[in-house]
Amino acid sequence: MRPYVHLIENQNSIPNLEGVEVVDRGRAQAVASATMQQLRRKDVAAAQAGSGWALNVSDAVGRIVFSIDLDRVVG
């Protein structure tokens, strides 16, 4: 499985075009969680605001496998 973790917000997006090879969905969720932690470290103020952003994790053909609403997990 090669998930692609995209940062999205309404009309804005920061796509991931490379993806990362993982063995299963559980590992894909761990990758998404690590991505979220990296975002928090890079810009604490933006992470605290959340501001409607989400991480969409898609498969190779673009189907969303799961999504993480950053407003719900940032506190």
PDB file of N, CA and C in Angstrom:
ATOM      1  N   MET A   1       0.854  -1.179   0.000  1.00  0.00           N
ATOM      2  CA  MET A   1       0.000   0.000   0.000  1.00  0.00           C
ATOM      3  C   MET A   1       0.897   1.237   0.000  1.00  0.00           C
ATOM      4  N   ARG A   2       0.528   2.218  -0.831  1.00  0.00           N
ATOM      5  CA  ARG A   2       1.266   3.477  -0.874  1.00  0.00           C
ATOM      6  C   ARG A   2       0.272   4.619  -0.618  1.00  0.00           C
ATOM      7  N   PRO A   3       0.142   5.061   0.641  1.00  0.00           N
ATOM      8  CA  PRO A   3      -0.752   6.177   0.932  1.00  0.00           C
ATOM      9  C   PRO A   3      -0.103   7.515   0.588  1.00  0.00           C
ATOM     10  N   TYR A   4      -0.953   8.463   0.248  1.00  0.00           N
ATOM     11  CA  TYR A   4      -0.544   9.830  -0.055  1.00  0.00           C
ATOM     12  C   TYR A   4      -1.251  10.728   0.956  1.00  0.00           C
ATOM     13  N   VAL A   5      -0.480  11.460   1.768  1.00  0.00           N
ATOM     14  CA  VAL A   5      -1.041  12.298   2.827  1.00  0.00           C
ATOM     15  C   VAL A   5      -1.103  13.730   2.320  1.00  0.00           C
ATOM     16  N   HIS A   6      -2.334  14.231   2.107  1.00  0.00           N
ATOM     17  CA  HIS A   6      -2.553  15.576   1.564  1.00  0.00           C
ATOM     18  C   HIS A   6      -3.099  16.492   2.654  1.00  0.00           C
ATOM     19  N   LEU A   7      -2.588  17.690   2.724  1.00  0.00           N
ATOM     20  CA  LEU A   7      -3.107  18.709   3.635  1.00  0.00           C
ATOM     21  C   LEU A   7      -4.111  19.531   2.844  1.00  0.00           C
ATOM     22  N   ILE A   8      -5.356  19.596   3.321  1.00  0.00           N
ATOM     23  CA  ILE A   8      -6.404  20.290   2.568  1.00  0.00           C
ATOM     24  C   ILE A   8      -7.205  21.237   3.456  1.00  0.00           C
ATOM     25  N   GLU A   9      -7.772  22.261   2.818  1.00  0.00           N
ATOM     26  CA  GLU A   9      -8.660  23.217   3.493  1.00  0.00           C
ATOM     27  C   GLU A   9      -9.472  23.919   2.418  1.00  0.00           C
ATOM     28  N   ASN A  10     -10.759  23.639   2.365  1.00  0.00           N
ATOM     29  CA  ASN A  10     -11.658  24.224   1.367  1.00  0.00           C
ATOM     30  C   ASN A  10     -11.027  24.224  -0.021  1.00  0.00           C
ATOM     31  N   GLN A  11     -10.665  25.385  -0.536  1.00  0.00           N
ATOM     32  CA  GLN A  11     -10.107  25.513  -1.882  1.00  0.00           C
ATOM     33  C   GLN A  11      -8.587  25.342  -1.919  1.00  0.00           C
ATOM     34  N   ASN A  12      -7.950  25.242  -0.770  1.00  0.00           N
ATOM     35  CA  ASN A  12      -6.496  25.143  -0.694  1.00  0.00           C
ATOM     36  C   ASN A  12      -6.061  23.710  -0.430  1.00  0.00           C
ATOM     37  N   SER A  13      -4.927  23.340  -1.000  1.00  0.00           N
ATOM     38  CA  SER A  13      -4.389  22.013  -0.708  1.00  0.00           C
ATOM     39  C   SER A  13      -2.878  22.003  -0.901  1.00  0.00           C
ATOM     40  N   ILE A  14      -2.257  21.149  -0.134  1.00  0.00           N
ATOM     41  CA  ILE A  14      -0.836  20.867  -0.290  1.00  0.00           C
ATOM     42  C   ILE A  14      -0.765  19.363  -0.538  1.00  0.00           C
ATOM     43  N   PRO A  15      -0.683  18.994  -1.820  1.00  0.00           N
ATOM     44  CA  PRO A  15      -0.716  17.559  -2.142  1.00  0.00           C
ATOM     45  C   PRO A  15       0.620  16.870  -1.900  1.00  0.00           C
ATOM     46  N   ASN A  16       0.530  15.594  -1.645  1.00  0.00           N
ATOM     47  CA  ASN A  16       1.712  14.747  -1.532  1.00  0.00           C
ATOM     48  C   ASN A  16       1.725  13.893  -2.788  1.00  0.00           C
ATOM     49  N   LEU A  17       2.723  14.086  -3.625  1.00  0.00           N
ATOM     50  CA  LEU A  17       2.776  13.381  -4.905  1.00  0.00           C
ATOM     51  C   LEU A  17       3.633  12.123  -4.873  1.00  0.00           C
ATOM     52  N   GLU A  18       4.377  11.932  -3.795  1.00  0.00           N
ATOM     53  CA  GLU A  18       5.281  10.791  -3.707  1.00  0.00           C
ATOM     54  C   GLU A  18       4.692   9.617  -2.936  1.00  0.00           C
ATOM     55  N   GLY A  19       3.984   9.887  -1.864  1.00  0.00           N
ATOM     56  CA  GLY A  19       3.467   8.821  -1.026  1.00  0.00           C
ATOM     57  C   GLY A  19       4.600   8.116  -0.293  1.00  0.00           C
ATOM     58  N   VAL A  20       4.231   7.123   0.474  1.00  0.00           N
ATOM     59  CA  VAL A  20       5.220   6.337   1.206  1.00  0.00           C
ATOM     60  C   VAL A  20       4.715   4.893   1.256  1.00  0.00           C
ATOM     61  N   GLU A  21       5.597   3.960   1.028  1.00  0.00           N
ATOM     62  CA  GLU A  21       5.190   2.542   1.019  1.00  0.00           C
ATOM     63  C   GLU A  21       5.031   2.038   2.453  1.00  0.00           C
ATOM     64  N   VAL A  22       3.866   1.456   2.752  1.00  0.00           N
ATOM     65  CA  VAL A  22       3.598   0.879   4.071  1.00  0.00           C
ATOM     66  C   VAL A  22       2.945  -0.493   3.880  1.00  0.00           C
ATOM     67  N   VAL A  23       2.938  -1.285   4.934  1.00  0.00           N
ATOM     68  CA  VAL A  23       2.404  -2.647   4.818  1.00  0.00           C
ATOM     69  C   VAL A  23       0.892  -2.730   4.975  1.00  0.00           C
ATOM     70  N   ASP A  24       0.292  -1.782   5.720  1.00  0.00           N
ATOM     71  CA  ASP A  24      -1.147  -1.862   5.948  1.00  0.00           C
ATOM     72  C   ASP A  24      -1.711  -0.514   6.380  1.00  0.00           C
ATOM     73  N   ARG A  25      -3.029  -0.494   6.577  1.00  0.00           N
ATOM     74  CA  ARG A  25      -3.722   0.745   6.948  1.00  0.00           C
ATOM     75  C   ARG A  25      -3.250   1.275   8.306  1.00  0.00           C
ATOM     76  N   GLY A  26      -2.946   0.390   9.239  1.00  0.00           N
ATOM     77  CA  GLY A  26      -2.462   0.824  10.550  1.00  0.00           C
ATOM     78  C   GLY A  26      -1.178   1.626  10.437  1.00  0.00           C
ATOM     79  N   ARG A  27      -0.286   1.156   9.586  1.00  0.00           N
ATOM     80  CA  ARG A  27       0.971   1.888   9.375  1.00  0.00           C
ATOM     81  C   ARG A  27       0.698   3.207   8.647  1.00  0.00           C
ATOM     82  N   ALA A  28      -0.284   3.223   7.743  1.00  0.00           N
ATOM     83  CA  ALA A  28      -0.662   4.458   7.052  1.00  0.00           C
ATOM     84  C   ALA A  28      -1.163   5.488   8.064  1.00  0.00           C
ATOM     85  N   GLN A  29      -1.937   5.039   9.056  1.00  0.00           N
ATOM     86  CA  GLN A  29      -2.417   5.955  10.094  1.00  0.00           C
ATOM     87  C   GLN A  29      -1.259   6.484  10.932  1.00  0.00           C
ATOM     88  N   ALA A  30      -0.257   5.656  11.173  1.00  0.00           N
ATOM     89  CA  ALA A  30       0.928   6.103  11.907  1.00  0.00           C
ATOM     90  C   ALA A  30       1.689   7.162  11.114  1.00  0.00           C
ATOM     91  N   VAL A  31       1.772   6.981   9.802  1.00  0.00           N
ATOM     92  CA  VAL A  31       2.429   7.973   8.942  1.00  0.00           C
ATOM     93  C   VAL A  31       1.666   9.293   8.984  1.00  0.00           C
ATOM     94  N   ALA A  32       0.340   9.234   8.915  1.00  0.00           N
ATOM     95  CA  ALA A  32      -0.477  10.447   8.981  1.00  0.00           C
ATOM     96  C   ALA A  32      -0.291  11.152  10.323  1.00  0.00           C
ATOM     97  N   SER A  33      -0.245  10.390  11.391  1.00  0.00           N
ATOM     98  CA  SER A  33      -0.034  10.961  12.720  1.00  0.00           C
ATOM     99  C   SER A  33       1.329  11.639  12.809  1.00  0.00           C
ATOM    100  N   ALA A  34       2.352  11.006  12.262  1.00  0.00           N
ATOM    101  CA  ALA A  34       3.698  11.600  12.266  1.00  0.00           C
ATOM    102  C   ALA A  34       3.717  12.886  11.446  1.00  0.00           C
ATOM    103  N   THR A  35       3.002  12.902  10.329  1.00  0.00           N
ATOM    104  CA  THR A  35       2.913  14.108   9.501  1.00  0.00           C
ATOM    105  C   THR A  35       2.270  15.234  10.292  1.00  0.00           C
ATOM    106  N   MET A  36       1.204  14.906  11.028  1.00  0.00           N
ATOM    107  CA  MET A  36       0.519  15.894  11.848  1.00  0.00           C
ATOM    108  C   MET A  36       1.462  16.467  12.913  1.00  0.00           C
ATOM    109  N   GLN A  37       2.245  15.630  13.541  1.00  0.00           N
ATOM    110  CA  GLN A  37       3.199  16.085  14.554  1.00  0.00           C
ATOM    111  C   GLN A  37       4.254  17.002  13.937  1.00  0.00           C
ATOM    112  N   GLN A  38       4.716  16.679  12.729  1.00  0.00           N
ATOM    113  CA  GLN A  38       5.682  17.539  12.041  1.00  0.00           C
ATOM    114  C   GLN A  38       5.087  18.906  11.770  1.00  0.00           C
ATOM    115  N   LEU A  39       3.833  18.939  11.351  1.00  0.00           N
ATOM    116  CA  LEU A  39       3.168  20.215  11.086  1.00  0.00           C
ATOM    117  C   LEU A  39       3.071  21.049  12.360  1.00  0.00           C
ATOM    118  N   ARG A  40       2.744  20.408  13.456  1.00  0.00           N
ATOM    119  CA  ARG A  40       2.648  21.118  14.740  1.00  0.00           C
ATOM    120  C   ARG A  40       3.986  21.722  15.147  1.00  0.00           C
ATOM    121  N   ARG A  41       5.057  20.978  14.954  1.00  0.00           N
ATOM    122  CA  ARG A  41       6.383  21.485  15.335  1.00  0.00           C
ATOM    123  C   ARG A  41       6.816  22.642  14.451  1.00  0.00           C
ATOM    124  N   LYS A  42       6.454  22.605  13.182  1.00  0.00           N
ATOM    125  CA  LYS A  42       6.869  23.651  12.249  1.00  0.00           C
ATOM    126  C   LYS A  42       6.161  24.971  12.518  1.00  0.00           C
ATOM    127  N   ASP A  43       4.882  24.923  12.870  1.00  0.00           N
ATOM    128  CA  ASP A  43       4.116  26.158  13.056  1.00  0.00           C
ATOM    129  C   ASP A  43       3.085  25.950  14.168  1.00  0.00           C
ATOM    130  N   VAL A  44       3.522  26.165  15.395  1.00  0.00           N
ATOM    131  CA  VAL A  44       2.681  25.918  16.565  1.00  0.00           C
ATOM    132  C   VAL A  44       1.411  26.769  16.536  1.00  0.00           C
ATOM    133  N   ALA A  45       1.531  28.048  16.183  1.00  0.00           N
ATOM    134  CA  ALA A  45       0.361  28.940  16.172  1.00  0.00           C
ATOM    135  C   ALA A  45      -0.681  28.463  15.163  1.00  0.00           C
ATOM    136  N   ALA A  46      -0.240  28.106  13.981  1.00  0.00           N
ATOM    137  CA  ALA A  46      -1.176  27.616  12.966  1.00  0.00           C
ATOM    138  C   ALA A  46      -1.790  26.289  13.397  1.00  0.00           C
ATOM    139  N   ALA A  47      -1.010  25.441  14.002  1.00  0.00           N
ATOM    140  CA  ALA A  47      -1.518  24.143  14.462  1.00  0.00           C
ATOM    141  C   ALA A  47      -2.584  24.337  15.533  1.00  0.00           C
ATOM    142  N   GLN A  48      -2.381  25.291  16.430  1.00  0.00           N
ATOM    143  CA  GLN A  48      -3.357  25.540  17.482  1.00  0.00           C
ATOM    144  C   GLN A  48      -4.645  26.111  16.911  1.00  0.00           C
ATOM    145  N   ALA A  49      -4.518  26.892  15.864  1.00  0.00           N
ATOM    146  CA  ALA A  49      -5.700  27.491  15.248  1.00  0.00           C
ATOM    147  C   ALA A  49      -6.526  26.452  14.493  1.00  0.00           C
ATOM    148  N   GLY A  50      -5.848  25.442  13.919  1.00  0.00           N
ATOM    149  CA  GLY A  50      -6.569  24.426  13.159  1.00  0.00           C
ATOM    150  C   GLY A  50      -7.110  24.971  11.858  1.00  0.00           C
ATOM    151  N   SER A  51      -7.986  25.929  11.946  1.00  0.00           N
ATOM    152  CA  SER A  51      -8.520  26.714  10.838  1.00  0.00           C
ATOM    153  C   SER A  51      -9.080  25.925   9.663  1.00  0.00           C
ATOM    154  N   GLY A  52      -9.755  24.817   9.928  1.00  0.00           N
ATOM    155  CA  GLY A  52     -10.441  24.102   8.865  1.00  0.00           C
ATOM    156  C   GLY A  52      -9.594  23.153   8.047  1.00  0.00           C
ATOM    157  N   TRP A  53      -8.358  22.956   8.422  1.00  0.00           N
ATOM    158  CA  TRP A  53      -7.479  22.060   7.674  1.00  0.00           C
ATOM    159  C   TRP A  53      -7.697  20.608   8.078  1.00  0.00           C
ATOM    160  N   ALA A  54      -7.403  19.710   7.159  1.00  0.00           N
ATOM    161  CA  ALA A  54      -7.500  18.274   7.412  1.00  0.00           C
ATOM    162  C   ALA A  54      -6.388  17.558   6.657  1.00  0.00           C
ATOM    163  N   LEU A  55      -6.070  16.364   7.116  1.00  0.00           N
ATOM    164  CA  LEU A  55      -5.174  15.487   6.381  1.00  0.00           C
ATOM    165  C   LEU A  55      -6.044  14.437   5.702  1.00  0.00           C
ATOM    166  N   ASN A  56      -6.003  14.395   4.378  1.00  0.00           N
ATOM    167  CA  ASN A  56      -6.680  13.340   3.637  1.00  0.00           C
ATOM    168  C   ASN A  56      -5.627  12.343   3.195  1.00  0.00           C
ATOM    169  N   VAL A  57      -5.855  11.103   3.479  1.00  0.00           N
ATOM    170  CA  VAL A  57      -4.933  10.049   3.069  1.00  0.00           C
ATOM    171  C   VAL A  57      -5.618   9.266   1.960  1.00  0.00           C
ATOM    172  N   SER A  58      -4.982   9.274   0.784  1.00  0.00           N
ATOM    173  CA  SER A  58      -5.580   8.613  -0.368  1.00  0.00           C
ATOM    174  C   SER A  58      -4.715   7.461  -0.859  1.00  0.00           C
ATOM    175  N   ASP A  59      -5.331   6.622  -1.692  1.00  0.00           N
ATOM    176  CA  ASP A  59      -4.579   5.525  -2.307  1.00  0.00           C
ATOM    177  C   ASP A  59      -4.012   6.001  -3.646  1.00  0.00           C
ATOM    178  N   ALA A  60      -3.421   5.101  -4.389  1.00  0.00           N
ATOM    179  CA  ALA A  60      -2.735   5.450  -5.635  1.00  0.00           C
ATOM    180  C   ALA A  60      -3.660   6.015  -6.713  1.00  0.00           C
ATOM    181  N   VAL A  61      -4.944   5.682  -6.658  1.00  0.00           N
ATOM    182  CA  VAL A  61      -5.872   6.211  -7.657  1.00  0.00           C
ATOM    183  C   VAL A  61      -6.659   7.423  -7.155  1.00  0.00           C
ATOM    184  N   GLY A  62      -6.323   7.906  -5.957  1.00  0.00           N
ATOM    185  CA  GLY A  62      -6.940   9.119  -5.438  1.00  0.00           C
ATOM    186  C   GLY A  62      -8.136   8.930  -4.527  1.00  0.00           C
ATOM    187  N   ARG A  63      -8.527   7.690  -4.255  1.00  0.00           N
ATOM    188  CA  ARG A  63      -9.639   7.456  -3.322  1.00  0.00           C
ATOM    189  C   ARG A  63      -9.175   7.761  -1.909  1.00  0.00           C
ATOM    190  N   ILE A  64      -9.993   8.497  -1.167  1.00  0.00           N
ATOM    191  CA  ILE A  64      -9.646   8.809   0.219  1.00  0.00           C
ATOM    192  C   ILE A  64      -9.844   7.562   1.069  1.00  0.00           C
ATOM    193  N   VAL A  65      -8.756   7.137   1.723  1.00  0.00           N
ATOM    194  CA  VAL A  65      -8.776   5.965   2.587  1.00  0.00           C
ATOM    195  C   VAL A  65      -9.268   6.366   3.971  1.00  0.00           C
ATOM    196  N   PHE A  66      -8.763   7.495   4.476  1.00  0.00           N
ATOM    197  CA  PHE A  66      -9.264   8.078   5.715  1.00  0.00           C
ATOM    198  C   PHE A  66      -8.836   9.533   5.770  1.00  0.00           C
ATOM    199  N   SER A  67      -9.463  10.272   6.674  1.00  0.00           N
ATOM    200  CA  SER A  67      -9.214  11.700   6.818  1.00  0.00           C
ATOM    201  C   SER A  67      -9.097  12.033   8.298  1.00  0.00           C
ATOM    202  N   ILE A  68      -8.242  12.995   8.607  1.00  0.00           N
ATOM    203  CA  ILE A  68      -8.086  13.459   9.987  1.00  0.00           C
ATOM    204  C   ILE A  68      -8.387  14.949  10.018  1.00  0.00           C
ATOM    205  N   ASP A  69      -9.432  15.337  10.728  1.00  0.00           N
ATOM    206  CA  ASP A  69      -9.816  16.745  10.880  1.00  0.00           C
ATOM    207  C   ASP A  69      -8.892  17.376  11.912  1.00  0.00           C
ATOM    208  N   LEU A  70      -8.032  18.287  11.484  1.00  0.00           N
ATOM    209  CA  LEU A  70      -7.054  18.873  12.395  1.00  0.00           C
ATOM    210  C   LEU A  70      -7.692  19.727  13.485  1.00  0.00           C
ATOM    211  N   ASP A  71      -8.883  20.281  13.230  1.00  0.00           N
ATOM    212  CA  ASP A  71      -9.586  21.042  14.269  1.00  0.00           C
ATOM    213  C   ASP A  71      -9.977  20.144  15.436  1.00  0.00           C
ATOM    214  N   ARG A  72     -10.231  18.873  15.176  1.00  0.00           N
ATOM    215  CA  ARG A  72     -10.662  17.948  16.226  1.00  0.00           C
ATOM    216  C   ARG A  72      -9.512  17.407  17.047  1.00  0.00           C
ATOM    217  N   VAL A  73      -8.316  17.336  16.461  1.00  0.00           N
ATOM    218  CA  VAL A  73      -7.208  16.731  17.177  1.00  0.00           C
ATOM    219  C   VAL A  73      -6.231  17.749  17.744  1.00  0.00           C
ATOM    220  N   VAL A  74      -6.352  19.004  17.372  1.00  0.00           N
ATOM    221  CA  VAL A  74      -5.465  20.048  17.894  1.00  0.00           C
ATOM    222  C   VAL A  74      -6.122  20.651  19.112  1.00  0.00           C
ATOM    223  N   GLY A  75      -5.339  20.766  20.177  1.00  0.00           N
ATOM    224  CA  GLY A  75      -5.953  21.305  21.382  1.00  0.00           C
ATOM    225  C   GLY A  75      -5.050  22.149  22.191  1.00  0.00           C
TER     226      GLY A  75
END
